[in-house]
Amino acid sequence: MTYFWIKTFHLVFVIAWMAAVFYLPRILVNIAECGDQPAVRQQLELMGRRLYRFGHTMFGLAFAFGLVLWLYFHIAGAWLHLKLVLVAVLLAYYVSAGRMLKASARGRVLPSGRWLRWFNEIPLLLLIAIVYLVIAKPF
């Protein structure tokens, strides 16, 4: 495969992962606000579990193609180190959202819907910084 195909697949899987990163906290908001509706809660938790697995798969594929870009095509620079740190923070965020989902399924109370809405904004800020680093390569 050529560089452009590898980069294309990396970007496609990053986009798919980011969809999961953005949507999982919204499912948590809906779970927190569904009240005393066990059928709705169960359906949302099922959707969340499936989305969480999907997101991990997409992350793994994005990571694999990114690794090829780094090692085979020698993509490097100080900007890349910061980007990888931010991606690690984003992965930790995603894992923490998944833990909240699992805790909810075990009957633990989630934070308020308002708190979860603010929590939902964190990945957008990280994504903006990551995209800037990739495009501008400022250092």
C-alpha atoms as a PDB file:
ATOM      1  CA  MET A   1       0.000   0.000   0.000  1.00  0.00           C
ATOM      2  CA  THR A   2       1.124   3.504  -0.631  1.00  0.00           C
ATOM      3  CA  TYR A   3       1.512   6.271   1.871  1.00  0.00           C
ATOM      4  CA  PHE A   4      -1.781   7.875   0.846  1.00  0.00           C
ATOM      5  CA  TRP A   5      -3.777   4.655   1.323  1.00  0.00           C
ATOM      6  CA  ILE A   6      -2.279   4.102   4.770  1.00  0.00           C
ATOM      7  CA  LYS A   7      -3.013   7.707   5.711  1.00  0.00           C
ATOM      8  CA  THR A   8      -6.566   7.405   4.321  1.00  0.00           C
ATOM      9  CA  PHE A   9      -7.297   4.314   6.408  1.00  0.00           C
ATOM     10  CA  HIS A  10      -5.756   5.938   9.480  1.00  0.00           C
ATOM     11  CA  LEU A  11      -8.033   8.972   9.078  1.00  0.00           C
ATOM     12  CA  VAL A  12     -11.153   6.904   8.411  1.00  0.00           C
ATOM     13  CA  PHE A  13     -10.626   4.834  11.560  1.00  0.00           C
ATOM     14  CA  VAL A  14      -9.809   7.960  13.593  1.00  0.00           C
ATOM     15  CA  ILE A  15     -13.101   9.496  12.429  1.00  0.00           C
ATOM     16  CA  ALA A  16     -14.998   6.324  13.369  1.00  0.00           C
ATOM     17  CA  TRP A  17     -13.346   6.278  16.803  1.00  0.00           C
ATOM     18  CA  MET A  18     -14.133   9.952  17.356  1.00  0.00           C
ATOM     19  CA  ALA A  19     -17.786   9.266  16.575  1.00  0.00           C
ATOM     20  CA  ALA A  20     -17.771   6.778  19.450  1.00  0.00           C
ATOM     21  CA  VAL A  21     -15.845   9.193  21.692  1.00  0.00           C
ATOM     22  CA  PHE A  22     -18.452  11.900  21.086  1.00  0.00           C
ATOM     23  CA  TYR A  23     -21.531   9.680  21.342  1.00  0.00           C
ATOM     24  CA  LEU A  24     -20.749   7.536  24.399  1.00  0.00           C
ATOM     25  CA  PRO A  25     -21.039  10.468  26.856  1.00  0.00           C
ATOM     26  CA  ARG A  26     -24.369  11.418  25.242  1.00  0.00           C
ATOM     27  CA  ILE A  27     -25.616   7.921  26.015  1.00  0.00           C
ATOM     28  CA  LEU A  28     -24.465   8.475  29.607  1.00  0.00           C
ATOM     29  CA  VAL A  29     -26.466  11.732  29.722  1.00  0.00           C
ATOM     30  CA  ASN A  30     -29.554   9.873  28.533  1.00  0.00           C
ATOM     31  CA  ILE A  31     -29.038   7.115  31.107  1.00  0.00           C
ATOM     32  CA  ALA A  32     -28.644   9.695  33.878  1.00  0.00           C
ATOM     33  CA  GLU A  33     -31.833  11.438  32.803  1.00  0.00           C
ATOM     34  CA  CYS A  34     -34.065   8.476  31.913  1.00  0.00           C
ATOM     35  CA  GLY A  35     -35.442   8.354  35.445  1.00  0.00           C
ATOM     36  CA  ASP A  36     -37.361   5.289  36.514  1.00  0.00           C
ATOM     37  CA  GLN A  37     -37.669   3.630  33.104  1.00  0.00           C
ATOM     38  CA  PRO A  38     -35.805   0.304  33.330  1.00  0.00           C
ATOM     39  CA  ALA A  39     -36.505  -0.713  29.726  1.00  0.00           C
ATOM     40  CA  VAL A  40     -35.089   2.558  28.401  1.00  0.00           C
ATOM     41  CA  ARG A  41     -32.090   2.297  30.730  1.00  0.00           C
ATOM     42  CA  GLN A  42     -31.361  -1.279  29.616  1.00  0.00           C
ATOM     43  CA  GLN A  43     -31.572  -0.306  25.951  1.00  0.00           C
ATOM     44  CA  LEU A  44     -29.240   2.653  26.451  1.00  0.00           C
ATOM     45  CA  GLU A  45     -26.757   0.513  28.375  1.00  0.00           C
ATOM     46  CA  LEU A  46     -26.821  -2.099  25.589  1.00  0.00           C
ATOM     47  CA  MET A  47     -26.202   0.621  22.992  1.00  0.00           C
ATOM     48  CA  GLY A  48     -23.386   1.991  25.140  1.00  0.00           C
ATOM     49  CA  ARG A  49     -21.675  -1.401  25.514  1.00  0.00           C
ATOM     50  CA  ARG A  50     -21.816  -2.020  21.773  1.00  0.00           C
ATOM     51  CA  LEU A  51     -20.548   1.465  20.997  1.00  0.00           C
ATOM     52  CA  TYR A  52     -17.734   1.089  23.526  1.00  0.00           C
ATOM     53  CA  ARG A  53     -16.534  -2.144  21.881  1.00  0.00           C
ATOM     54  CA  PHE A  54     -16.855  -0.587  18.419  1.00  0.00           C
ATOM     55  CA  GLY A  55     -14.824   2.416  19.557  1.00  0.00           C
ATOM     56  CA  HIS A  56     -12.029   0.245  20.908  1.00  0.00           C
ATOM     57  CA  THR A  57     -11.881  -1.666  17.628  1.00  0.00           C
ATOM     58  CA  MET A  58     -11.721   1.564  15.630  1.00  0.00           C
ATOM     59  CA  PHE A  59      -9.019   2.916  17.942  1.00  0.00           C
ATOM     60  CA  GLY A  60      -6.969  -0.235  17.476  1.00  0.00           C
ATOM     61  CA  LEU A  61      -7.169   0.014  13.690  1.00  0.00           C
ATOM     62  CA  ALA A  62      -6.372   3.746  13.715  1.00  0.00           C
ATOM     63  CA  PHE A  63      -3.425   3.034  16.005  1.00  0.00           C
ATOM     64  CA  ALA A  64      -2.129   0.261  13.739  1.00  0.00           C
ATOM     65  CA  PHE A  65      -2.233   2.435  10.621  1.00  0.00           C
ATOM     66  CA  GLY A  66      -0.701   5.337  12.563  1.00  0.00           C
ATOM     67  CA  LEU A  67       2.101   3.055  13.685  1.00  0.00           C
ATOM     68  CA  VAL A  68       2.802   2.166  10.050  1.00  0.00           C
ATOM     69  CA  LEU A  69       2.920   5.870   9.179  1.00  0.00           C
ATOM     70  CA  TRP A  70       5.358   6.493  12.007  1.00  0.00           C
ATOM     71  CA  LEU A  71       7.669   3.517  11.575  1.00  0.00           C
ATOM     72  CA  TYR A  72       7.544   2.733   7.860  1.00  0.00           C
ATOM     73  CA  PHE A  73       7.137   6.226   6.439  1.00  0.00           C
ATOM     74  CA  HIS A  74       9.190   7.901   9.175  1.00  0.00           C
ATOM     75  CA  ILE A  75       6.617  10.512  10.170  1.00  0.00           C
ATOM     76  CA  ALA A  76       8.266  12.288  13.082  1.00  0.00           C
ATOM     77  CA  GLY A  77       8.719  15.592  14.842  1.00  0.00           C
ATOM     78  CA  ALA A  78       8.170  17.191  18.210  1.00  0.00           C
ATOM     79  CA  TRP A  79       4.571  17.925  17.191  1.00  0.00           C
ATOM     80  CA  LEU A  80       4.002  14.171  16.922  1.00  0.00           C
ATOM     81  CA  HIS A  81       5.076  13.611  20.530  1.00  0.00           C
ATOM     82  CA  LEU A  82       2.540  16.153  21.783  1.00  0.00           C
ATOM     83  CA  LYS A  83      -0.125  14.709  19.485  1.00  0.00           C
ATOM     84  CA  LEU A  84       0.477  11.233  20.925  1.00  0.00           C
ATOM     85  CA  VAL A  85       0.212  12.582  24.468  1.00  0.00           C
ATOM     86  CA  LEU A  86      -3.126  14.206  23.607  1.00  0.00           C
ATOM     87  CA  VAL A  87      -4.343  11.000  21.949  1.00  0.00           C
ATOM     88  CA  ALA A  88      -3.397   9.106  25.132  1.00  0.00           C
ATOM     89  CA  VAL A  89      -5.426  11.623  27.166  1.00  0.00           C
ATOM     90  CA  LEU A  90      -8.338  11.145  24.764  1.00  0.00           C
ATOM     91  CA  LEU A  91      -8.074   7.362  25.135  1.00  0.00           C
ATOM     92  CA  ALA A  92      -8.061   7.732  28.947  1.00  0.00           C
ATOM     93  CA  TYR A  93     -11.178   9.903  28.626  1.00  0.00           C
ATOM     94  CA  TYR A  94     -12.877   7.221  26.531  1.00  0.00           C
ATOM     95  CA  VAL A  95     -11.941   4.491  28.999  1.00  0.00           C
ATOM     96  CA  SER A  96     -13.292   6.592  31.890  1.00  0.00           C
ATOM     97  CA  ALA A  97     -16.592   7.039  30.021  1.00  0.00           C
ATOM     98  CA  GLY A  98     -16.685   3.264  29.518  1.00  0.00           C
ATOM     99  CA  ARG A  99     -16.095   2.716  33.235  1.00  0.00           C
ATOM    100  CA  MET A 100     -18.998   5.039  34.028  1.00  0.00           C
ATOM    101  CA  LEU A 101     -21.162   2.983  31.689  1.00  0.00           C
ATOM    102  CA  LYS A 102     -20.111  -0.275  33.361  1.00  0.00           C
ATOM    103  CA  ALA A 103     -20.688   1.214  36.814  1.00  0.00           C
ATOM    104  CA  SER A 104     -24.156   2.326  35.752  1.00  0.00           C
ATOM    105  CA  ALA A 105     -24.957  -1.190  34.570  1.00  0.00           C
ATOM    106  CA  ARG A 106     -23.970  -2.445  38.049  1.00  0.00           C
ATOM    107  CA  GLY A 107     -26.464  -0.044  39.590  1.00  0.00           C
ATOM    108  CA  ARG A 108     -24.203   2.830  40.598  1.00  0.00           C
ATOM    109  CA  VAL A 109     -25.549   6.336  40.203  1.00  0.00           C
ATOM    110  CA  LEU A 110     -24.060   8.433  37.418  1.00  0.00           C
ATOM    111  CA  PRO A 111     -23.089  12.089  37.846  1.00  0.00           C
ATOM    112  CA  SER A 112     -25.798  14.600  36.953  1.00  0.00           C
ATOM    113  CA  GLY A 113     -26.853  15.157  33.361  1.00  0.00           C
ATOM    114  CA  ARG A 114     -25.426  18.673  33.553  1.00  0.00           C
ATOM    115  CA  TRP A 115     -22.016  17.389  34.704  1.00  0.00           C
ATOM    116  CA  LEU A 116     -22.046  14.783  31.936  1.00  0.00           C
ATOM    117  CA  ARG A 117     -22.849  17.458  29.355  1.00  0.00           C
ATOM    118  CA  TRP A 118     -19.723  19.373  30.416  1.00  0.00           C
ATOM    119  CA  PHE A 119     -17.776  16.115  30.443  1.00  0.00           C
ATOM    120  CA  ASN A 120     -18.944  15.626  26.851  1.00  0.00           C
ATOM    121  CA  GLU A 121     -17.130  18.809  25.741  1.00  0.00           C
ATOM    122  CA  ILE A 122     -13.631  17.647  26.726  1.00  0.00           C
ATOM    123  CA  PRO A 123     -12.950  15.545  23.589  1.00  0.00           C
ATOM    124  CA  LEU A 124     -13.807  18.453  21.296  1.00  0.00           C
ATOM    125  CA  LEU A 125     -11.070  20.589  22.861  1.00  0.00           C
ATOM    126  CA  LEU A 126      -8.576  17.748  22.599  1.00  0.00           C
ATOM    127  CA  LEU A 127      -9.534  17.050  18.983  1.00  0.00           C
ATOM    128  CA  ILE A 128      -9.061  20.698  18.017  1.00  0.00           C
ATOM    129  CA  ALA A 129      -5.553  20.652  19.485  1.00  0.00           C
ATOM    130  CA  ILE A 130      -4.704  17.338  17.787  1.00  0.00           C
ATOM    131  CA  VAL A 131      -5.925  18.466  14.371  1.00  0.00           C
ATOM    132  CA  TYR A 132      -4.012  21.741  14.726  1.00  0.00           C
ATOM    133  CA  LEU A 133      -0.801  19.870  15.547  1.00  0.00           C
ATOM    134  CA  VAL A 134      -1.212  17.542  12.562  1.00  0.00           C
ATOM    135  CA  ILE A 135      -1.971  20.308  10.082  1.00  0.00           C
ATOM    136  CA  ALA A 136       0.352  23.072  11.309  1.00  0.00           C
ATOM    137  CA  LYS A 137       3.226  20.947  12.655  1.00  0.00           C
ATOM    138  CA  PRO A 138       4.242  24.010  14.689  1.00  0.00           C
ATOM    139  CA  PHE A 139       7.481  22.503  16.009  1.00  0.00           C
END
